[in-house]
N, C-alpha and C. Protein backbone atom coordinates (compact mmCIF):
# COMPACT_ATOMS: atom_id res chain seq x y z
N UNK A 1 13.28 69.29 -16.16
CA UNK A 1 11.92 69.58 -16.78
C UNK A 1 11.34 67.41 -16.55
N UNK A 2 10.10 67.57 -16.05
CA UNK A 2 9.11 66.65 -16.18
C UNK A 2 8.14 66.09 -17.20
N UNK A 3 8.14 65.71 -18.15
CA UNK A 3 7.19 65.48 -19.39
C UNK A 3 6.60 63.53 -18.93
N UNK A 4 4.94 64.37 -19.23
CA UNK A 4 3.69 63.66 -19.57
C UNK A 4 4.18 62.26 -20.04
N UNK A 5 4.35 61.32 -19.32
CA UNK A 5 4.37 60.14 -20.31
C UNK A 5 3.38 59.83 -20.97
N UNK A 6 3.51 59.59 -22.84
CA UNK A 6 2.81 59.57 -23.82
C UNK A 6 2.94 58.36 -24.56
N UNK A 7 1.94 57.26 -23.89
CA UNK A 7 2.17 55.97 -24.52
C UNK A 7 1.82 55.72 -25.66
N UNK A 8 2.77 54.50 -26.93
CA UNK A 8 3.50 54.98 -28.43
C UNK A 8 2.13 53.21 -28.22
N UNK A 9 1.36 53.69 -28.97
CA UNK A 9 0.53 51.92 -29.75
C UNK A 9 1.38 51.43 -31.27
N UNK A 10 1.62 53.19 -31.50
CA UNK A 10 2.31 53.32 -33.18
C UNK A 10 3.04 53.50 -33.77
N UNK A 11 3.69 53.82 -34.83
CA UNK A 11 5.27 54.46 -35.53
C UNK A 11 5.21 56.00 -34.96
N UNK A 12 3.56 55.87 -35.32
CA UNK A 12 2.90 56.80 -36.34
C UNK A 12 3.44 58.03 -34.92
N UNK A 13 2.98 57.80 -34.19
CA UNK A 13 2.82 58.49 -32.72
C UNK A 13 4.29 58.52 -32.90
N UNK A 14 4.91 57.79 -32.26
CA UNK A 14 6.46 58.22 -32.29
C UNK A 14 6.93 58.81 -33.31
N UNK A 15 6.81 58.89 -34.52
CA UNK A 15 7.38 60.40 -35.59
C UNK A 15 6.63 61.46 -35.04
N UNK A 16 5.47 61.55 -35.10
CA UNK A 16 4.73 62.91 -34.71
C UNK A 16 5.92 63.62 -33.34
N UNK A 17 6.29 62.92 -32.68
CA UNK A 17 6.41 63.15 -30.86
C UNK A 17 8.37 63.59 -31.33
N UNK A 18 8.30 63.08 -32.28
CA UNK A 18 9.91 62.80 -32.82
C UNK A 18 10.06 63.94 -33.63
N UNK A 19 9.24 64.10 -34.59
CA UNK A 19 8.57 65.65 -35.32
C UNK A 19 8.84 67.00 -34.86
N UNK A 20 7.87 66.74 -33.56
CA UNK A 20 7.08 67.86 -33.00
C UNK A 20 9.18 68.58 -32.05
N UNK A 21 9.50 67.49 -31.26
CA UNK A 21 10.70 68.13 -31.23
C UNK A 21 11.99 68.20 -31.29
N UNK A 22 11.72 67.98 -32.39
CA UNK A 22 13.40 68.77 -33.32
C UNK A 22 12.76 70.12 -34.24
N UNK A 23 11.06 69.83 -34.18
CA UNK A 23 11.30 71.33 -34.61
C UNK A 23 10.70 72.71 -33.17
N UNK A 24 11.04 71.85 -31.97
CA UNK A 24 10.66 72.95 -31.06
C UNK A 24 11.68 73.31 -30.97
N UNK A 25 13.14 72.43 -31.12
CA UNK A 25 14.23 72.49 -30.41
C UNK A 25 15.26 73.81 -30.93
N UNK A 26 15.23 74.30 -32.38
CA UNK A 26 15.02 73.55 -33.61
C UNK A 26 16.26 72.93 -34.33
N UNK A 27 15.38 72.09 -34.80
CA UNK A 27 16.86 71.14 -35.77
C UNK A 27 16.60 70.97 -36.85
N UNK A 28 16.91 70.51 -38.05
CA UNK A 28 16.66 70.50 -39.33
C UNK A 28 16.73 69.43 -38.82
N UNK A 29 16.29 67.89 -40.41
CA UNK A 29 16.04 66.63 -40.02
C UNK A 29 18.16 65.98 -40.41
N UNK A 30 18.68 67.08 -41.17
CA UNK A 30 19.54 66.86 -40.74
C UNK A 30 20.26 67.00 -40.52
N UNK A 31 20.61 68.00 -39.85
CA UNK A 31 20.98 68.24 -38.40
C UNK A 31 20.80 67.29 -37.24
N UNK A 32 19.32 66.60 -37.27
CA UNK A 32 19.37 66.12 -36.20
C UNK A 32 20.21 64.47 -36.45
N UNK A 33 20.13 63.98 -37.77
CA UNK A 33 20.99 62.92 -38.16
C UNK A 33 21.99 62.69 -38.31
N UNK A 34 23.15 63.54 -38.31
CA UNK A 34 24.10 64.18 -39.10
C UNK A 34 24.67 64.12 -36.61
N UNK A 35 23.87 64.37 -35.78
CA UNK A 35 24.33 64.57 -34.48
C UNK A 35 23.69 62.84 -33.69
N UNK A 36 22.68 62.64 -34.14
CA UNK A 36 22.71 61.24 -33.79
C UNK A 36 23.54 59.78 -34.79
N UNK A 37 24.30 60.03 -36.01
CA UNK A 37 24.97 59.50 -36.56
C UNK A 37 24.12 57.82 -37.35
N UNK A 38 22.80 59.17 -38.16
CA UNK A 38 21.97 58.47 -38.83
C UNK A 38 22.17 58.75 -40.01
N UNK A 39 21.22 58.26 -40.96
CA UNK A 39 21.06 58.93 -42.79
C UNK A 39 20.19 59.67 -42.25
N UNK A 40 19.98 61.54 -42.72
CA UNK A 40 18.50 61.85 -42.87
C UNK A 40 17.34 60.73 -43.44
N UNK A 41 17.72 60.03 -44.10
CA UNK A 41 16.95 59.25 -44.48
C UNK A 41 15.54 58.82 -43.27
N UNK A 42 16.17 58.37 -42.11
CA UNK A 42 15.97 56.85 -41.18
C UNK A 42 15.10 58.03 -40.82
N UNK A 43 15.87 59.03 -39.93
CA UNK A 43 15.38 60.59 -39.54
C UNK A 43 13.10 61.02 -40.83
N UNK A 44 13.71 60.66 -41.73
CA UNK A 44 13.14 61.10 -42.65
C UNK A 44 11.63 60.06 -42.28
N UNK A 45 12.08 58.89 -42.22
CA UNK A 45 11.22 57.00 -42.32
C UNK A 45 10.32 57.14 -41.21
N UNK A 46 11.24 57.71 -40.24
CA UNK A 46 10.46 57.41 -38.45
C UNK A 46 9.44 59.03 -38.75
N UNK A 47 9.67 60.23 -38.97
CA UNK A 47 8.77 61.07 -38.70
C UNK A 47 7.55 60.68 -39.44
N UNK A 48 7.91 60.07 -40.37
CA UNK A 48 6.32 59.61 -41.19
C UNK A 48 5.54 58.15 -40.83
N UNK A 49 6.72 57.72 -39.91
CA UNK A 49 5.83 56.24 -39.00
C UNK A 49 5.93 55.35 -39.76
N UNK A 50 7.01 55.49 -40.43
CA UNK A 50 7.61 53.96 -41.09
C UNK A 50 8.79 53.41 -40.40
N UNK A 51 9.14 52.50 -39.88
CA UNK A 51 10.07 51.39 -39.81
C UNK A 51 11.09 51.43 -39.51
N UNK A 52 11.60 51.82 -38.55
CA UNK A 52 13.19 51.87 -38.39
C UNK A 52 14.24 51.15 -37.07
N UNK A 53 14.92 50.95 -37.33
CA UNK A 53 15.60 49.93 -36.24
C UNK A 53 15.99 50.39 -35.12
N UNK A 54 15.41 49.05 -33.67
CA UNK A 54 15.86 50.15 -32.72
C UNK A 54 16.85 50.77 -32.51
N UNK A 55 18.23 50.66 -32.79
CA UNK A 55 19.64 51.49 -32.33
C UNK A 55 18.83 53.11 -33.34
N UNK A 56 18.39 52.89 -34.88
CA UNK A 56 18.18 54.35 -35.06
C UNK A 56 17.26 54.88 -34.05
N UNK A 57 15.74 54.50 -33.83
CA UNK A 57 16.05 54.91 -32.85
C UNK A 57 16.03 55.49 -30.71
N UNK A 58 16.55 55.37 -30.78
CA UNK A 58 17.67 55.35 -29.28
C UNK A 58 18.16 56.77 -29.67
N UNK A 59 19.37 56.69 -30.70
CA UNK A 59 20.38 57.18 -31.54
C UNK A 59 19.62 58.10 -31.87
N UNK A 60 18.38 58.78 -32.14
CA UNK A 60 17.52 59.89 -32.79
C UNK A 60 16.69 60.27 -31.45
N UNK A 61 16.63 59.44 -29.82
CA UNK A 61 15.76 60.22 -28.91
C UNK A 61 17.35 60.75 -27.88
N UNK A 62 18.28 59.42 -27.79
CA UNK A 62 18.73 60.55 -27.12
C UNK A 62 19.41 61.83 -27.54
N UNK A 63 19.32 62.21 -29.17
CA UNK A 63 20.24 63.70 -28.73
C UNK A 63 18.68 64.92 -28.41
N UNK A 64 17.43 64.40 -28.72
CA UNK A 64 16.43 65.01 -28.78
C UNK A 64 15.90 65.00 -27.12
N UNK A 65 16.97 64.06 -26.44
CA UNK A 65 16.85 64.51 -24.48
C UNK A 65 14.81 63.91 -24.33
N UNK A 66 14.84 62.65 -25.39
CA UNK A 66 13.72 61.93 -24.86
C UNK A 66 13.90 60.15 -24.88
N UNK A 67 13.00 60.29 -24.17
CA UNK A 67 13.00 58.71 -22.55
C UNK A 67 11.64 57.62 -23.09
N UNK A 68 11.74 56.54 -23.39
CA UNK A 68 11.37 55.24 -24.12
C UNK A 68 11.19 54.95 -23.30
N UNK A 69 10.50 54.10 -23.08
CA UNK A 69 10.44 53.31 -21.95
C UNK A 69 9.57 51.82 -23.06
N UNK A 70 9.64 51.25 -22.45
CA UNK A 70 8.96 49.57 -22.87
C UNK A 70 8.54 48.96 -21.85
N UNK A 71 7.51 48.53 -22.06
CA UNK A 71 6.08 47.91 -21.32
C UNK A 71 5.43 47.16 -22.28
N UNK A 72 5.45 45.33 -22.04
CA UNK A 72 4.35 44.90 -22.79
C UNK A 72 3.59 44.56 -22.06
N UNK A 73 3.60 44.56 -21.01
CA UNK A 73 2.62 44.33 -20.28
C UNK A 73 0.52 44.65 -20.94
N UNK A 74 0.08 43.61 -21.22
CA UNK A 74 -1.88 44.20 -21.93
C UNK A 74 -2.71 43.75 -20.16
N UNK A 75 -2.93 44.77 -20.25
CA UNK A 75 -4.14 43.89 -19.56
C UNK A 75 -5.49 42.69 -20.27
N UNK A 76 -6.02 42.11 -20.19
CA UNK A 76 -6.98 41.44 -20.37
C UNK A 76 -7.22 41.37 -21.49
N UNK A 77 -8.51 42.21 -21.30
CA UNK A 77 -9.46 42.98 -22.28
C UNK A 77 -8.16 43.76 -23.22
N UNK A 78 -7.58 44.87 -23.32
CA UNK A 78 -6.16 44.83 -24.59
C UNK A 78 -6.41 43.81 -24.92
N UNK A 79 -5.72 42.14 -23.77
CA UNK A 79 -5.43 40.99 -25.17
C UNK A 79 -7.52 40.48 -26.11
N UNK A 80 -7.77 40.98 -25.16
CA UNK A 80 -9.08 40.42 -26.12
C UNK A 80 -9.12 41.31 -27.59
N UNK A 81 -9.69 42.71 -26.99
CA UNK A 81 -9.26 43.72 -27.90
C UNK A 81 -8.86 43.01 -29.74
N UNK A 82 -7.53 42.88 -28.89
CA UNK A 82 -6.08 43.08 -30.18
C UNK A 82 -6.85 42.02 -31.07
N UNK A 83 -7.20 41.16 -30.71
CA UNK A 83 -8.14 39.92 -31.04
C UNK A 83 -8.72 40.17 -31.74
């Protein structure tokens, strides 16, 4: 299934996507943590939009079969708005 890309501007958005996909499968936070070989606390914190290591994010996304594309390009007006 091809999914529409979602542009992430905050960790909160990533956390909501992960929580939604985990519930859809369905998996508990502990089951996801076990499959991703991370702690349940790491899953919980990420779903709450709190910081996580890049490796933790990648492990969780792999289990959920989600793709993350990192694009650091910003249009000039976006840069001005961010200042």
